[in-house]
Full PDB file with SEQRES, HELIX, SHEET, SSBOND, CRYST1, ORIGX, SCALE, CONECT and MASTER records, all heavy atoms in Angstrom:
SEQRES   1 A   33  PHE SER ILE VAL GLY ILE THR GLU MET PHE ASP GLU SER          
SEQRES   2 A   33  LEU PHE LEU MET LYS LYS GLN PHE GLY TRP GLU HIS ILE          
SEQRES   3 A   33  ASN TYR ALA LYS LYS ASN VAL                                  
HELIX    1 AA1 THR A    7  MET A    9  5                                   3    
HELIX    2 AA2 PHE A   10  PHE A   21  1                                  12    
CRYST1    1.000    1.000    1.000  90.00  90.00  90.00 P 1           1          
ORIGX1      1.000000  0.000000  0.000000        0.00000                         
ORIGX2      0.000000  1.000000  0.000000        0.00000                         
ORIGX3      0.000000  0.000000  1.000000        0.00000                         
SCALE1      1.000000  0.000000  0.000000        0.00000                         
SCALE2      0.000000  1.000000  0.000000        0.00000                         
SCALE3      0.000000  0.000000  1.000000        0.00000                         
ATOM      1  N   PHE A   1    -169.147 240.874  -7.514  1.00  0.00           N  
ATOM      2  CA  PHE A   1    -167.875 241.441  -7.065  1.00  0.00           C  
ATOM      3  C   PHE A   1    -167.347 242.476  -8.054  1.00  0.00           C  
ATOM      4  O   PHE A   1    -167.259 242.213  -9.256  1.00  0.00           O  
ATOM      5  CB  PHE A   1    -166.824 240.348  -6.888  1.00  0.00           C  
ATOM      6  CG  PHE A   1    -166.993 239.541  -5.629  1.00  0.00           C  
ATOM      7  CD1 PHE A   1    -168.010 238.606  -5.518  1.00  0.00           C  
ATOM      8  CD2 PHE A   1    -166.133 239.713  -4.561  1.00  0.00           C  
ATOM      9  CE1 PHE A   1    -168.174 237.858  -4.364  1.00  0.00           C  
ATOM     10  CE2 PHE A   1    -166.274 238.975  -3.397  1.00  0.00           C  
ATOM     11  CZ  PHE A   1    -167.303 238.038  -3.294  1.00  0.00           C  
ATOM     12  N   SER A   2    -166.960 243.645  -7.543  1.00  0.00           N  
ATOM     13  CA  SER A   2    -166.270 244.630  -8.371  1.00  0.00           C  
ATOM     14  C   SER A   2    -164.832 244.202  -8.630  1.00  0.00           C  
ATOM     15  O   SER A   2    -164.280 244.441  -9.700  1.00  0.00           O  
ATOM     16  CB  SER A   2    -166.271 246.006  -7.696  1.00  0.00           C  
ATOM     17  OG  SER A   2    -167.558 246.567  -7.712  1.00  0.00           O  
ATOM     18  N   ILE A   3    -164.236 243.566  -7.631  1.00  0.00           N  
ATOM     19  CA  ILE A   3    -162.847 243.140  -7.761  1.00  0.00           C  
ATOM     20  C   ILE A   3    -162.536 242.047  -6.749  1.00  0.00           C  
ATOM     21  O   ILE A   3    -163.035 242.067  -5.628  1.00  0.00           O  
ATOM     22  CB  ILE A   3    -161.874 244.335  -7.578  1.00  0.00           C  
ATOM     23  CG1 ILE A   3    -160.432 243.908  -7.827  1.00  0.00           C  
ATOM     24  CG2 ILE A   3    -162.031 244.962  -6.213  1.00  0.00           C  
ATOM     25  CD1 ILE A   3    -159.464 245.081  -7.937  1.00  0.00           C  
ATOM     26  N   VAL A   4    -161.737 241.090  -7.193  1.00  0.00           N  
ATOM     27  CA  VAL A   4    -161.152 240.086  -6.303  1.00  0.00           C  
ATOM     28  C   VAL A   4    -159.649 240.275  -6.380  1.00  0.00           C  
ATOM     29  O   VAL A   4    -159.032 240.042  -7.428  1.00  0.00           O  
ATOM     30  CB  VAL A   4    -161.543 238.657  -6.710  1.00  0.00           C  
ATOM     31  CG1 VAL A   4    -160.816 237.638  -5.821  1.00  0.00           C  
ATOM     32  CG2 VAL A   4    -163.056 238.463  -6.605  1.00  0.00           C  
ATOM     33  N   GLY A   5    -159.063 240.744  -5.294  1.00  0.00           N  
ATOM     34  CA  GLY A   5    -157.622 240.967  -5.268  1.00  0.00           C  
ATOM     35  C   GLY A   5    -156.856 239.687  -5.014  1.00  0.00           C  
ATOM     36  O   GLY A   5    -157.420 238.669  -4.600  1.00  0.00           O  
ATOM     37  N   ILE A   6    -155.566 239.736  -5.258  1.00  0.00           N  
ATOM     38  CA  ILE A   6    -154.678 238.603  -5.050  1.00  0.00           C  
ATOM     39  C   ILE A   6    -153.561 239.038  -4.105  1.00  0.00           C  
ATOM     40  O   ILE A   6    -152.890 240.053  -4.348  1.00  0.00           O  
ATOM     41  CB  ILE A   6    -154.081 238.117  -6.389  1.00  0.00           C  
ATOM     42  CG1 ILE A   6    -155.197 237.585  -7.300  1.00  0.00           C  
ATOM     43  CG2 ILE A   6    -153.013 237.054  -6.156  1.00  0.00           C  
ATOM     44  CD1 ILE A   6    -155.917 236.346  -6.797  1.00  0.00           C  
ATOM     45  N   THR A   7    -153.352 238.278  -3.036  1.00  0.00           N  
ATOM     46  CA  THR A   7    -152.367 238.657  -2.027  1.00  0.00           C  
ATOM     47  C   THR A   7    -150.983 238.817  -2.624  1.00  0.00           C  
ATOM     48  O   THR A   7    -150.248 239.750  -2.290  1.00  0.00           O  
ATOM     49  CB  THR A   7    -152.334 237.604  -0.902  1.00  0.00           C  
ATOM     50  OG1 THR A   7    -153.648 237.454  -0.364  1.00  0.00           O  
ATOM     51  CG2 THR A   7    -151.386 238.024   0.216  1.00  0.00           C  
ATOM     52  N   GLU A   8    -150.609 237.906  -3.526  1.00  0.00           N  
ATOM     53  CA  GLU A   8    -149.291 237.963  -4.149  1.00  0.00           C  
ATOM     54  C   GLU A   8    -149.165 239.134  -5.122  1.00  0.00           C  
ATOM     55  O   GLU A   8    -148.064 239.426  -5.593  1.00  0.00           O  
ATOM     56  CB  GLU A   8    -148.995 236.646  -4.863  1.00  0.00           C  
ATOM     57  CG  GLU A   8    -148.769 235.462  -3.943  1.00  0.00           C  
ATOM     58  CD  GLU A   8    -150.048 234.919  -3.311  1.00  0.00           C  
ATOM     59  OE1 GLU A   8    -151.159 235.228  -3.817  1.00  0.00           O  
ATOM     60  OE2 GLU A   8    -149.961 234.178  -2.310  1.00  0.00           O  
ATOM     61  N   MET A   9    -150.273 239.769  -5.431  1.00  0.00           N  
ATOM     62  CA  MET A   9    -150.290 240.974  -6.268  1.00  0.00           C  
ATOM     63  C   MET A   9    -150.992 242.080  -5.480  1.00  0.00           C  
ATOM     64  O   MET A   9    -151.881 242.762  -5.970  1.00  0.00           O  
ATOM     65  CB  MET A   9    -151.015 240.690  -7.588  1.00  0.00           C  
ATOM     66  CG  MET A   9    -150.381 239.573  -8.413  1.00  0.00           C  
ATOM     67  SD  MET A   9    -151.404 239.112  -9.847  1.00  0.00           S  
ATOM     68  CE  MET A   9    -151.319 240.623 -10.824  1.00  0.00           C  
ATOM     69  N   PHE A  10    -150.560 242.253  -4.235  1.00  0.00           N  
ATOM     70  CA  PHE A  10    -151.272 243.141  -3.327  1.00  0.00           C  
ATOM     71  C   PHE A  10    -151.274 244.580  -3.836  1.00  0.00           C  
ATOM     72  O   PHE A  10    -152.311 245.250  -3.823  1.00  0.00           O  
ATOM     73  CB  PHE A  10    -150.652 243.084  -1.931  1.00  0.00           C  
ATOM     74  CG  PHE A  10    -151.501 243.730  -0.873  1.00  0.00           C  
ATOM     75  CD1 PHE A  10    -152.504 243.023  -0.240  1.00  0.00           C  
ATOM     76  CD2 PHE A  10    -151.314 245.056  -0.512  1.00  0.00           C  
ATOM     77  CE1 PHE A  10    -153.296 243.609   0.734  1.00  0.00           C  
ATOM     78  CE2 PHE A  10    -152.098 245.652   0.452  1.00  0.00           C  
ATOM     79  CZ  PHE A  10    -153.095 244.924   1.080  1.00  0.00           C  
ATOM     80  N   ASP A  11    -150.128 245.060  -4.287  1.00  0.00           N  
ATOM     81  CA  ASP A  11    -150.057 246.449  -4.748  1.00  0.00           C  
ATOM     82  C   ASP A  11    -150.939 246.672  -5.975  1.00  0.00           C  
ATOM     83  O   ASP A  11    -151.649 247.679  -6.071  1.00  0.00           O  
ATOM     84  CB  ASP A  11    -148.615 246.832  -5.058  1.00  0.00           C  
ATOM     85  CG  ASP A  11    -147.761 246.942  -3.804  1.00  0.00           C  
ATOM     86  OD1 ASP A  11    -148.335 247.106  -2.714  1.00  0.00           O  
ATOM     87  OD2 ASP A  11    -146.525 246.864  -3.923  1.00  0.00           O  
ATOM     88  N   GLU A  12    -150.888 245.735  -6.914  1.00  0.00           N  
ATOM     89  CA  GLU A  12    -151.728 245.846  -8.104  1.00  0.00           C  
ATOM     90  C   GLU A  12    -153.213 245.812  -7.723  1.00  0.00           C  
ATOM     91  O   GLU A  12    -154.020 246.578  -8.262  1.00  0.00           O  
ATOM     92  CB  GLU A  12    -151.421 244.708  -9.080  1.00  0.00           C  
ATOM     93  CG  GLU A  12    -150.042 244.772  -9.705  1.00  0.00           C  
ATOM     94  CD  GLU A  12    -148.985 244.034  -8.897  1.00  0.00           C  
ATOM     95  OE1 GLU A  12    -149.198 243.814  -7.689  1.00  0.00           O  
ATOM     96  OE2 GLU A  12    -147.944 243.673  -9.462  1.00  0.00           O  
ATOM     97  N   SER A  13    -153.538 244.915  -6.789  1.00  0.00           N  
ATOM     98  CA  SER A  13    -154.931 244.799  -6.338  1.00  0.00           C  
ATOM     99  C   SER A  13    -155.402 246.093  -5.696  1.00  0.00           C  
ATOM    100  O   SER A  13    -156.494 246.595  -5.977  1.00  0.00           O  
ATOM    101  CB  SER A  13    -155.061 243.640  -5.337  1.00  0.00           C  
ATOM    102  OG  SER A  13    -154.651 242.416  -5.900  1.00  0.00           O  
ATOM    103  N   LEU A  14    -154.563 246.640  -4.826  1.00  0.00           N  
ATOM    104  CA  LEU A  14    -154.922 247.863  -4.107  1.00  0.00           C  
ATOM    105  C   LEU A  14    -155.075 249.040  -5.072  1.00  0.00           C  
ATOM    106  O   LEU A  14    -155.986 249.862  -4.927  1.00  0.00           O  
ATOM    107  CB  LEU A  14    -153.854 248.153  -3.055  1.00  0.00           C  
ATOM    108  CG  LEU A  14    -154.147 249.251  -2.038  1.00  0.00           C  
ATOM    109  CD1 LEU A  14    -155.469 249.020  -1.337  1.00  0.00           C  
ATOM    110  CD2 LEU A  14    -153.009 249.321  -1.017  1.00  0.00           C  
ATOM    111  N   PHE A  15    -154.207 249.105  -6.059  1.00  0.00           N  
ATOM    112  CA  PHE A  15    -154.299 250.173  -7.051  1.00  0.00           C  
ATOM    113  C   PHE A  15    -155.624 250.089  -7.804  1.00  0.00           C  
ATOM    114  O   PHE A  15    -156.286 251.116  -8.029  1.00  0.00           O  
ATOM    115  CB  PHE A  15    -153.130 250.071  -8.033  1.00  0.00           C  
ATOM    116  CG  PHE A  15    -153.151 251.122  -9.108  1.00  0.00           C  
ATOM    117  CD1 PHE A  15    -152.659 252.390  -8.866  1.00  0.00           C  
ATOM    118  CD2 PHE A  15    -153.678 250.841 -10.362  1.00  0.00           C  
ATOM    119  CE1 PHE A  15    -152.687 253.372  -9.854  1.00  0.00           C  
ATOM    120  CE2 PHE A  15    -153.705 251.809 -11.360  1.00  0.00           C  
ATOM    121  CZ  PHE A  15    -153.213 253.081 -11.104  1.00  0.00           C  
ATOM    122  N   LEU A  16    -156.035 248.896  -8.198  1.00  0.00           N  
ATOM    123  CA  LEU A  16    -157.300 248.736  -8.908  1.00  0.00           C  
ATOM    124  C   LEU A  16    -158.489 249.068  -8.011  1.00  0.00           C  
ATOM    125  O   LEU A  16    -159.491 249.622  -8.473  1.00  0.00           O  
ATOM    126  CB  LEU A  16    -157.426 247.312  -9.447  1.00  0.00           C  
ATOM    127  CG  LEU A  16    -156.469 246.954 -10.590  1.00  0.00           C  
ATOM    128  CD1 LEU A  16    -156.598 245.477 -10.942  1.00  0.00           C  
ATOM    129  CD2 LEU A  16    -156.745 247.808 -11.821  1.00  0.00           C  
ATOM    130  N   MET A  17    -158.389 248.747  -6.727  1.00  0.00           N  
ATOM    131  CA  MET A  17    -159.443 249.126  -5.782  1.00  0.00           C  
ATOM    132  C   MET A  17    -159.539 250.638  -5.674  1.00  0.00           C  
ATOM    133  O   MET A  17    -160.645 251.200  -5.610  1.00  0.00           O  
ATOM    134  CB  MET A  17    -159.161 248.506  -4.407  1.00  0.00           C  
ATOM    135  CG  MET A  17    -159.295 246.992  -4.374  1.00  0.00           C  
ATOM    136  SD  MET A  17    -158.662 246.275  -2.831  1.00  0.00           S  
ATOM    137  CE  MET A  17    -158.724 244.522  -3.239  1.00  0.00           C  
ATOM    138  N   LYS A  18    -158.397 251.295  -5.638  1.00  0.00           N  
ATOM    139  CA  LYS A  18    -158.373 252.755  -5.598  1.00  0.00           C  
ATOM    140  C   LYS A  18    -159.102 253.330  -6.810  1.00  0.00           C  
ATOM    141  O   LYS A  18    -159.924 254.249  -6.687  1.00  0.00           O  
ATOM    142  CB  LYS A  18    -156.933 253.253  -5.567  1.00  0.00           C  
ATOM    143  CG  LYS A  18    -156.753 254.765  -5.641  1.00  0.00           C  
ATOM    144  CD  LYS A  18    -155.266 255.124  -5.636  1.00  0.00           C  
ATOM    145  CE  LYS A  18    -155.050 256.632  -5.635  1.00  0.00           C  
ATOM    146  NZ  LYS A  18    -155.448 257.260  -6.911  1.00  0.00           N  
ATOM    147  N   LYS A  19    -158.814 252.787  -7.978  1.00  0.00           N  
ATOM    148  CA  LYS A  19    -159.470 253.237  -9.206  1.00  0.00           C  
ATOM    149  C   LYS A  19    -160.965 252.933  -9.173  1.00  0.00           C  
ATOM    150  O   LYS A  19    -161.793 253.756  -9.579  1.00  0.00           O  
ATOM    151  CB  LYS A  19    -158.829 252.547 -10.417  1.00  0.00           C  
ATOM    152  CG  LYS A  19    -157.440 253.020 -10.760  1.00  0.00           C  
ATOM    153  CD  LYS A  19    -157.487 254.410 -11.393  1.00  0.00           C  
ATOM    154  CE  LYS A  19    -156.145 254.827 -11.927  1.00  0.00           C  
ATOM    155  NZ  LYS A  19    -156.182 256.180 -12.534  1.00  0.00           N  
ATOM    156  N   GLN A  20    -161.310 251.749  -8.704  1.00  0.00           N  
ATOM    157  CA  GLN A  20    -162.701 251.306  -8.719  1.00  0.00           C  
ATOM    158  C   GLN A  20    -163.565 252.112  -7.761  1.00  0.00           C  
ATOM    159  O   GLN A  20    -164.690 252.503  -8.092  1.00  0.00           O  
ATOM    160  CB  GLN A  20    -162.765 249.822  -8.344  1.00  0.00           C  
ATOM    161  CG  GLN A  20    -164.169 249.230  -8.306  1.00  0.00           C  
ATOM    162  CD  GLN A  20    -164.748 249.042  -9.697  1.00  0.00           C  
ATOM    163  OE1 GLN A  20    -164.049 248.605 -10.609  1.00  0.00           O  
ATOM    164  NE2 GLN A  20    -166.022 249.367  -9.869  1.00  0.00           N  
ATOM    165  N   PHE A  21    -163.047 252.361  -6.561  1.00  0.00           N  
ATOM    166  CA  PHE A  21    -163.868 252.954  -5.507  1.00  0.00           C  
ATOM    167  C   PHE A  21    -163.533 254.413  -5.209  1.00  0.00           C  
ATOM    168  O   PHE A  21    -164.140 255.014  -4.317  1.00  0.00           O  
ATOM    169  CB  PHE A  21    -163.733 252.127  -4.230  1.00  0.00           C  
ATOM    170  CG  PHE A  21    -164.058 250.668  -4.404  1.00  0.00           C  
ATOM    171  CD1 PHE A  21    -163.109 249.686  -4.128  1.00  0.00           C  
ATOM    172  CD2 PHE A  21    -165.304 250.270  -4.869  1.00  0.00           C  
ATOM    173  CE1 PHE A  21    -163.401 248.354  -4.294  1.00  0.00           C  
ATOM    174  CE2 PHE A  21    -165.606 248.927  -5.044  1.00  0.00           C  
ATOM    175  CZ  PHE A  21    -164.648 247.964  -4.764  1.00  0.00           C  
ATOM    176  N   GLY A  22    -162.570 254.981  -5.942  1.00  0.00           N  
ATOM    177  CA  GLY A  22    -162.221 256.373  -5.718  1.00  0.00           C  
ATOM    178  C   GLY A  22    -161.496 256.613  -4.410  1.00  0.00           C  
ATOM    179  O   GLY A  22    -161.631 257.684  -3.797  1.00  0.00           O  
ATOM    180  N   TRP A  23    -160.707 255.629  -3.960  1.00  0.00           N  
ATOM    181  CA  TRP A  23    -159.980 255.755  -2.706  1.00  0.00           C  
ATOM    182  C   TRP A  23    -158.804 256.719  -2.833  1.00  0.00           C  
ATOM    183  O   TRP A  23    -158.307 256.989  -3.916  1.00  0.00           O  
ATOM    184  CB  TRP A  23    -159.447 254.393  -2.254  1.00  0.00           C  
ATOM    185  CG  TRP A  23    -160.500 253.433  -1.805  1.00  0.00           C  
ATOM    186  CD1 TRP A  23    -161.834 253.679  -1.642  1.00  0.00           C  
ATOM    187  CD2 TRP A  23    -160.294 252.068  -1.464  1.00  0.00           C  
ATOM    188  NE1 TRP A  23    -162.475 252.555  -1.206  1.00  0.00           N  
ATOM    189  CE2 TRP A  23    -161.557 251.546  -1.084  1.00  0.00           C  
ATOM    190  CE3 TRP A  23    -159.178 251.225  -1.425  1.00  0.00           C  
ATOM    191  CZ2 TRP A  23    -161.721 250.216  -0.685  1.00  0.00           C  
ATOM    192  CZ3 TRP A  23    -159.341 249.912  -1.025  1.00  0.00           C  
ATOM    193  CH2 TRP A  23    -160.595 249.417  -0.656  1.00  0.00           C  
ATOM    194  N   GLU A  24    -158.349 257.183  -1.673  1.00  0.00           N  
ATOM    195  CA  GLU A  24    -157.149 258.001  -1.584  1.00  0.00           C  
ATOM    196  C   GLU A  24    -156.238 257.422  -0.504  1.00  0.00           C  
ATOM    197  O   GLU A  24    -156.654 256.588   0.295  1.00  0.00           O  
ATOM    198  CB  GLU A  24    -157.517 259.451  -1.242  1.00  0.00           C  
ATOM    199  CG  GLU A  24    -158.409 260.122  -2.278  1.00  0.00           C  
ATOM    200  CD  GLU A  24    -158.807 261.530  -1.896  1.00  0.00           C  
ATOM    201  OE1 GLU A  24    -158.442 261.950  -0.776  1.00  0.00           O  
ATOM    202  OE2 GLU A  24    -159.455 262.204  -2.704  1.00  0.00           O  
ATOM    203  N   HIS A  25    -154.981 257.873  -0.498  1.00  0.00           N  
ATOM    204  CA  HIS A  25    -154.046 257.519   0.574  1.00  0.00           C  
ATOM    205  C   HIS A  25    -153.971 255.998   0.768  1.00  0.00           C  
ATOM    206  O   HIS A  25    -154.365 255.471   1.814  1.00  0.00           O  
ATOM    207  CB  HIS A  25    -154.462 258.195   1.883  1.00  0.00           C  
ATOM    208  CG  HIS A  25    -154.755 259.647   1.756  1.00  0.00           C  
ATOM    209  ND1 HIS A  25    -153.828 260.560   1.281  1.00  0.00           N  
ATOM    210  CD2 HIS A  25    -155.883 260.362   1.998  1.00  0.00           C  
ATOM    211  CE1 HIS A  25    -154.364 261.772   1.261  1.00  0.00           C  
ATOM    212  NE2 HIS A  25    -155.611 261.672   1.677  1.00  0.00           N  
ATOM    213  N   ILE A  26    -153.448 255.298  -0.216  1.00  0.00           N  
ATOM    214  CA  ILE A  26    -153.409 253.834  -0.144  1.00  0.00           C  
ATOM    215  C   ILE A  26    -152.023 253.288   0.174  1.00  0.00           C  
ATOM    216  O   ILE A  26    -151.787 252.083   0.053  1.00  0.00           O  
ATOM    217  CB  ILE A  26    -153.928 253.196  -1.446  1.00  0.00           C  
ATOM    218  CG1 ILE A  26    -153.069 253.622  -2.648  1.00  0.00           C  
ATOM    219  CG2 ILE A  26    -155.398 253.532  -1.666  1.00  0.00           C  
ATOM    220  CD1 ILE A  26    -153.385 252.850  -3.916  1.00  0.00           C  
ATOM    221  N   ASN A  27    -151.099 254.146   0.600  1.00  0.00           N  
ATOM    222  CA  ASN A  27    -149.817 253.621   1.069  1.00  0.00           C  
ATOM    223  C   ASN A  27    -150.031 252.875   2.376  1.00  0.00           C  
ATOM    224  O   ASN A  27    -150.923 253.213   3.168  1.00  0.00           O  
ATOM    225  CB  ASN A  27    -148.811 254.757   1.265  1.00  0.00           C  
ATOM    226  CG  ASN A  27    -148.427 255.401  -0.062  1.00  0.00           C  
ATOM    227  OD1 ASN A  27    -148.504 254.767  -1.109  1.00  0.00           O  
ATOM    228  ND2 ASN A  27    -148.035 256.668  -0.011  1.00  0.00           N  
ATOM    229  N   TYR A  28    -149.216 251.880   2.632  1.00  0.00           N  
ATOM    230  CA  TYR A  28    -149.496 251.002   3.770  1.00  0.00           C  
ATOM    231  C   TYR A  28    -148.220 250.380   4.320  1.00  0.00           C  
ATOM    232  O   TYR A  28    -147.174 250.353   3.673  1.00  0.00           O  
ATOM    233  CB  TYR A  28    -150.437 249.872   3.341  1.00  0.00           C  
ATOM    234  CG  TYR A  28    -149.793 248.908   2.354  1.00  0.00           C  
ATOM    235  CD1 TYR A  28    -149.140 247.768   2.788  1.00  0.00           C  
ATOM    236  CD2 TYR A  28    -149.820 249.154   0.982  1.00  0.00           C  
ATOM    237  CE1 TYR A  28    -148.531 246.898   1.896  1.00  0.00           C  
ATOM    238  CE2 TYR A  28    -149.217 248.297   0.079  1.00  0.00           C  
ATOM    239  CZ  TYR A  28    -148.575 247.168   0.541  1.00  0.00           C  
ATOM    240  OH  TYR A  28    -147.956 246.314  -0.343  1.00  0.00           O  
ATOM    241  N   ALA A  29    -148.352 249.856   5.539  1.00  0.00           N  
ATOM    242  CA  ALA A  29    -147.358 248.955   6.132  1.00  0.00           C  
ATOM    243  C   ALA A  29    -148.096 247.668   6.449  1.00  0.00           C  
ATOM    244  O   ALA A  29    -149.234 247.683   6.921  1.00  0.00           O  
ATOM    245  CB  ALA A  29    -146.774 249.562   7.405  1.00  0.00           C  
ATOM    246  N   LYS A  30    -147.470 246.534   6.190  1.00  0.00           N  
ATOM    247  CA  LYS A  30    -148.148 245.256   6.367  1.00  0.00           C  
ATOM    248  C   LYS A  30    -148.499 245.019   7.832  1.00  0.00           C  
ATOM    249  O   LYS A  30    -147.719 245.308   8.738  1.00  0.00           O  
ATOM    250  CB  LYS A  30    -147.278 244.114   5.852  1.00  0.00           C  
ATOM    251  CG  LYS A  30    -147.121 244.108   4.336  1.00  0.00           C  
ATOM    252  CD  LYS A  30    -146.287 242.923   3.875  1.00  0.00           C  
ATOM    253  CE  LYS A  30    -146.173 242.916   2.354  1.00  0.00           C  
ATOM    254  NZ  LYS A  30    -145.356 241.781   1.872  1.00  0.00           N  
ATOM    255  N   LYS A  31    -149.719 244.464   8.058  1.00  0.00           N  
ATOM    256  CA  LYS A  31    -150.200 244.170   9.402  1.00  0.00           C  
ATOM    257  C   LYS A  31    -150.476 242.667   9.534  1.00  0.00           C  
ATOM    258  O   LYS A  31    -150.803 241.985   8.573  1.00  0.00           O  
ATOM    259  CB  LYS A  31    -151.491 244.950   9.698  1.00  0.00           C  
ATOM    260  CG  LYS A  31    -151.353 246.471   9.585  1.00  0.00           C  
ATOM    261  CD  LYS A  31    -150.483 247.023  10.693  1.00  0.00           C  
ATOM    262  CE  LYS A  31    -150.386 248.544  10.611  1.00  0.00           C  
ATOM    263  NZ  LYS A  31    -149.513 249.098  11.656  1.00  0.00           N  
ATOM    264  N   ASN A  32    -150.343 242.165  10.771  1.00  0.00           N  
ATOM    265  CA  ASN A  32    -150.729 240.791  11.096  1.00  0.00           C  
ATOM    266  C   ASN A  32    -149.941 239.754  10.295  1.00  0.00           C  
ATOM    267  O   ASN A  32    -150.462 238.725   9.900  1.00  0.00           O  
ATOM    268  CB  ASN A  32    -152.236 240.595  10.855  1.00  0.00           C  
ATOM    269  CG  ASN A  32    -152.794 239.416  11.639  1.00  0.00           C  
ATOM    270  OD1 ASN A  32    -152.310 239.112  12.718  1.00  0.00           O  
ATOM    271  ND2 ASN A  32    -153.808 238.767  11.086  1.00  0.00           N  
ATOM    272  N   VAL A  33    -148.662 240.054  10.042  1.00  0.00           N  
ATOM    273  CA  VAL A  33    -147.813 239.110   9.323  1.00  0.00           C  
ATOM    274  C   VAL A  33    -147.344 238.023  10.286  1.00  0.00           C  
ATOM    275  O   VAL A  33    -146.876 238.324  11.390  1.00  0.00           O  
ATOM    276  CB  VAL A  33    -146.591 239.822   8.710  1.00  0.00           C  
ATOM    277  CG1 VAL A  33    -145.670 238.820   8.024  1.00  0.00           C  
ATOM    278  CG2 VAL A  33    -147.058 240.887   7.720  1.00  0.00           C  
TER     279      VAL A  33                                                      
MASTER        0    0    0    2    0    0    0    6  278    1    0    3          
END                                                                             
């Protein structure tokens, strides 16, 4: 695993994924709540 995110730290997890995988446009609205 490159990264295991934590739901309670969703923003931090997503930011690290962006750094790890070179993602862009990671702003979001929650789905399936």
